Amino acid sequence: MTTQVVHRVFGPKQVRQFREVYERARVVEATYPDSHIASKAAKRLIEAFEAEIQTDGTVLDFQQLCEANPLGTA
């Protein structure tokens, strides 16, 4: 995600949380072999964080993301 979009949509606390998730995903990817399920999940997370956001919002619709009401815990 580009830094400008992230800071515009999310507050500083959420940005710190995203950065922590990203850094931990990098550690998991480095720790486990590519065939491990945790490494595969970490790789997908990293790809999502590093994806370029198109002007038409094709990667992520940030308005939907902000209005999402997740159920349960992850």
N, C-alpha and C. Protein backbone atom coordinates (compact mmCIF):
# COMPACT_ATOMS: atom_id res chain seq x y z
N MET A 1 0.84 -1.17 0.00
CA MET A 1 0.00 0.00 0.00
C MET A 1 0.88 1.23 0.00
N THR A 2 0.45 2.20 -0.72
CA THR A 2 1.26 3.40 -0.73
C THR A 2 1.07 4.17 0.56
N THR A 3 2.12 4.81 1.01
CA THR A 3 2.12 5.50 2.30
C THR A 3 1.10 6.62 2.35
N GLN A 4 0.95 7.37 1.29
CA GLN A 4 0.00 8.49 1.29
C GLN A 4 -1.42 8.02 1.51
N VAL A 5 -1.81 6.97 0.83
CA VAL A 5 -3.17 6.46 0.95
C VAL A 5 -3.40 5.92 2.35
N VAL A 6 -2.44 5.19 2.87
CA VAL A 6 -2.57 4.60 4.20
C VAL A 6 -2.74 5.68 5.26
N HIS A 7 -1.92 6.72 5.22
CA HIS A 7 -2.00 7.78 6.21
C HIS A 7 -3.27 8.61 6.05
N ARG A 8 -3.80 8.70 4.84
CA ARG A 8 -5.00 9.48 4.61
C ARG A 8 -6.23 8.74 5.13
N VAL A 9 -6.26 7.42 5.04
CA VAL A 9 -7.43 6.63 5.41
C VAL A 9 -7.37 6.18 6.85
N PHE A 10 -6.21 5.79 7.32
CA PHE A 10 -6.06 5.23 8.66
C PHE A 10 -5.31 6.20 9.56
N GLY A 11 -5.53 6.06 10.85
CA GLY A 11 -4.82 6.90 11.82
C GLY A 11 -3.45 6.34 12.15
N PRO A 12 -2.69 7.06 12.97
CA PRO A 12 -1.33 6.63 13.30
C PRO A 12 -1.28 5.29 14.03
N LYS A 13 -2.26 5.03 14.88
CA LYS A 13 -2.27 3.75 15.61
C LYS A 13 -2.45 2.58 14.63
N GLN A 14 -3.36 2.72 13.69
CA GLN A 14 -3.59 1.65 12.72
C GLN A 14 -2.38 1.47 11.81
N VAL A 15 -1.73 2.57 11.45
CA VAL A 15 -0.53 2.47 10.61
C VAL A 15 0.56 1.71 11.34
N ARG A 16 0.74 1.98 12.64
CA ARG A 16 1.73 1.23 13.43
C ARG A 16 1.37 -0.25 13.48
N GLN A 17 0.09 -0.56 13.63
CA GLN A 17 -0.34 -1.96 13.67
C GLN A 17 -0.08 -2.64 12.33
N PHE A 18 -0.38 -1.95 11.23
CA PHE A 18 -0.11 -2.52 9.91
C PHE A 18 1.38 -2.77 9.72
N ARG A 19 2.19 -1.81 10.16
CA ARG A 19 3.64 -1.96 10.03
C ARG A 19 4.12 -3.17 10.84
N GLU A 20 3.58 -3.35 12.04
CA GLU A 20 3.96 -4.49 12.87
C GLU A 20 3.56 -5.81 12.20
N VAL A 21 2.36 -5.87 11.65
CA VAL A 21 1.92 -7.08 10.95
C VAL A 21 2.84 -7.37 9.77
N TYR A 22 3.19 -6.32 9.02
CA TYR A 22 4.09 -6.48 7.87
C TYR A 22 5.45 -7.01 8.30
N GLU A 23 6.03 -6.41 9.34
CA GLU A 23 7.35 -6.84 9.81
C GLU A 23 7.32 -8.28 10.32
N ARG A 24 6.28 -8.64 11.04
CA ARG A 24 6.17 -10.02 11.53
C ARG A 24 5.98 -11.02 10.40
N ALA A 25 5.25 -10.61 9.37
CA ALA A 25 5.09 -11.48 8.20
C ALA A 25 6.43 -11.70 7.52
N ARG A 26 7.26 -10.66 7.47
CA ARG A 26 8.60 -10.80 6.89
C ARG A 26 9.44 -11.79 7.69
N VAL A 27 9.33 -11.74 9.02
CA VAL A 27 10.07 -12.67 9.89
C VAL A 27 9.60 -14.10 9.66
N VAL A 28 8.28 -14.29 9.59
CA VAL A 28 7.73 -15.64 9.37
C VAL A 28 8.19 -16.18 8.02
N GLU A 29 8.14 -15.34 7.00
CA GLU A 29 8.57 -15.79 5.67
C GLU A 29 10.04 -16.20 5.67
N ALA A 30 10.86 -15.48 6.42
CA ALA A 30 12.28 -15.80 6.48
C ALA A 30 12.56 -17.03 7.33
N THR A 31 11.70 -17.30 8.29
CA THR A 31 11.93 -18.39 9.23
C THR A 31 11.54 -19.76 8.67
N TYR A 32 10.42 -19.82 7.99
CA TYR A 32 9.90 -21.11 7.52
C TYR A 32 10.22 -21.34 6.05
N PRO A 33 10.31 -22.62 5.64
CA PRO A 33 10.55 -22.91 4.22
C PRO A 33 9.34 -22.50 3.38
N ASP A 34 9.58 -22.31 2.09
CA ASP A 34 8.51 -21.86 1.18
C ASP A 34 7.31 -22.80 1.15
N SER A 35 7.51 -24.06 1.43
CA SER A 35 6.42 -25.02 1.37
C SER A 35 5.54 -25.00 2.62
N HIS A 36 5.96 -24.34 3.67
CA HIS A 36 5.21 -24.29 4.93
C HIS A 36 4.00 -23.36 4.79
N ILE A 37 2.88 -23.75 5.39
CA ILE A 37 1.64 -22.97 5.28
C ILE A 37 1.80 -21.55 5.85
N ALA A 38 2.56 -21.41 6.92
CA ALA A 38 2.77 -20.08 7.51
C ALA A 38 3.56 -19.18 6.57
N SER A 39 4.52 -19.76 5.88
CA SER A 39 5.31 -18.99 4.93
C SER A 39 4.45 -18.55 3.75
N LYS A 40 3.58 -19.43 3.29
CA LYS A 40 2.68 -19.09 2.19
C LYS A 40 1.74 -17.95 2.59
N ALA A 41 1.19 -18.03 3.79
CA ALA A 41 0.29 -16.98 4.27
C ALA A 41 1.03 -15.67 4.44
N ALA A 42 2.23 -15.73 4.98
CA ALA A 42 3.04 -14.52 5.16
C ALA A 42 3.37 -13.89 3.81
N LYS A 43 3.68 -14.72 2.83
CA LYS A 43 4.01 -14.21 1.51
C LYS A 43 2.81 -13.48 0.89
N ARG A 44 1.60 -14.01 1.09
CA ARG A 44 0.40 -13.35 0.56
C ARG A 44 0.16 -12.02 1.27
N LEU A 45 0.39 -11.99 2.57
CA LEU A 45 0.24 -10.73 3.31
C LEU A 45 1.23 -9.68 2.81
N ILE A 46 2.46 -10.09 2.63
CA ILE A 46 3.50 -9.17 2.17
C ILE A 46 3.15 -8.64 0.78
N GLU A 47 2.68 -9.52 -0.10
CA GLU A 47 2.29 -9.09 -1.44
C GLU A 47 1.15 -8.07 -1.37
N ALA A 48 0.21 -8.28 -0.46
CA ALA A 48 -0.91 -7.35 -0.31
C ALA A 48 -0.41 -5.99 0.17
N PHE A 49 0.52 -5.99 1.10
CA PHE A 49 1.06 -4.73 1.60
C PHE A 49 1.87 -4.00 0.55
N GLU A 50 2.56 -4.73 -0.29
CA GLU A 50 3.42 -4.12 -1.28
C GLU A 50 2.73 -3.83 -2.61
N ALA A 51 1.48 -4.19 -2.74
CA ALA A 51 0.74 -3.99 -3.99
C ALA A 51 0.57 -2.51 -4.28
N GLU A 52 0.68 -2.17 -5.53
CA GLU A 52 0.44 -0.80 -5.96
C GLU A 52 -1.06 -0.60 -6.09
N ILE A 53 -1.53 0.52 -5.63
CA ILE A 53 -2.95 0.81 -5.68
C ILE A 53 -3.23 1.58 -6.97
N GLN A 54 -4.12 1.05 -7.77
CA GLN A 54 -4.47 1.69 -9.03
C GLN A 54 -5.39 2.88 -8.76
N THR A 55 -5.44 3.83 -9.68
CA THR A 55 -6.27 5.01 -9.50
C THR A 55 -7.75 4.67 -9.48
N ASP A 56 -8.13 3.57 -10.10
CA ASP A 56 -9.54 3.18 -10.09
C ASP A 56 -9.88 2.29 -8.90
N GLY A 57 -8.92 2.05 -8.00
CA GLY A 57 -9.17 1.30 -6.78
C GLY A 57 -9.29 -0.20 -6.99
N THR A 58 -8.62 -0.75 -8.01
CA THR A 58 -8.79 -2.16 -8.31
C THR A 58 -8.12 -3.08 -7.30
N VAL A 59 -7.10 -2.64 -6.60
CA VAL A 59 -6.45 -3.51 -5.63
C VAL A 59 -7.27 -3.60 -4.36
N LEU A 60 -7.59 -2.47 -3.80
CA LEU A 60 -8.41 -2.43 -2.58
C LEU A 60 -9.36 -1.25 -2.66
N ASP A 61 -10.58 -1.46 -2.26
CA ASP A 61 -11.52 -0.36 -2.14
C ASP A 61 -11.46 0.09 -0.69
N PHE A 62 -10.71 1.17 -0.43
CA PHE A 62 -10.46 1.61 0.94
C PHE A 62 -11.73 2.04 1.66
N GLN A 63 -12.72 2.55 0.93
CA GLN A 63 -13.96 2.94 1.58
C GLN A 63 -14.64 1.71 2.17
N GLN A 64 -14.68 0.62 1.41
CA GLN A 64 -15.25 -0.62 1.92
C GLN A 64 -14.45 -1.15 3.10
N LEU A 65 -13.14 -1.04 3.02
CA LEU A 65 -12.28 -1.52 4.09
C LEU A 65 -12.55 -0.75 5.39
N CYS A 66 -12.74 0.55 5.28
CA CYS A 66 -12.99 1.38 6.45
C CYS A 66 -14.37 1.10 7.06
N GLU A 67 -15.33 0.75 6.21
CA GLU A 67 -16.68 0.53 6.68
C GLU A 67 -16.93 -0.92 7.08
N ALA A 68 -15.95 -1.78 6.90
CA ALA A 68 -16.12 -3.19 7.22
C ALA A 68 -16.36 -3.38 8.71
N ASN A 69 -17.20 -4.32 9.02
CA ASN A 69 -17.51 -4.62 10.41
C ASN A 69 -17.18 -6.09 10.63
N PRO A 70 -15.92 -6.41 10.90
CA PRO A 70 -15.52 -7.81 11.03
C PRO A 70 -16.20 -8.50 12.21
N LEU A 71 -16.49 -9.75 12.03
CA LEU A 71 -17.10 -10.55 13.09
C LEU A 71 -16.08 -11.55 13.59
N GLY A 72 -16.08 -11.81 14.89
CA GLY A 72 -15.15 -12.76 15.46
C GLY A 72 -13.77 -12.18 15.64
N THR A 73 -12.81 -13.06 15.84
CA THR A 73 -11.44 -12.61 16.04
C THR A 73 -10.55 -13.31 15.03
N ALA A 74 -9.45 -12.70 14.72
CA ALA A 74 -8.51 -13.29 13.78
C ALA A 74 -7.17 -13.44 14.43
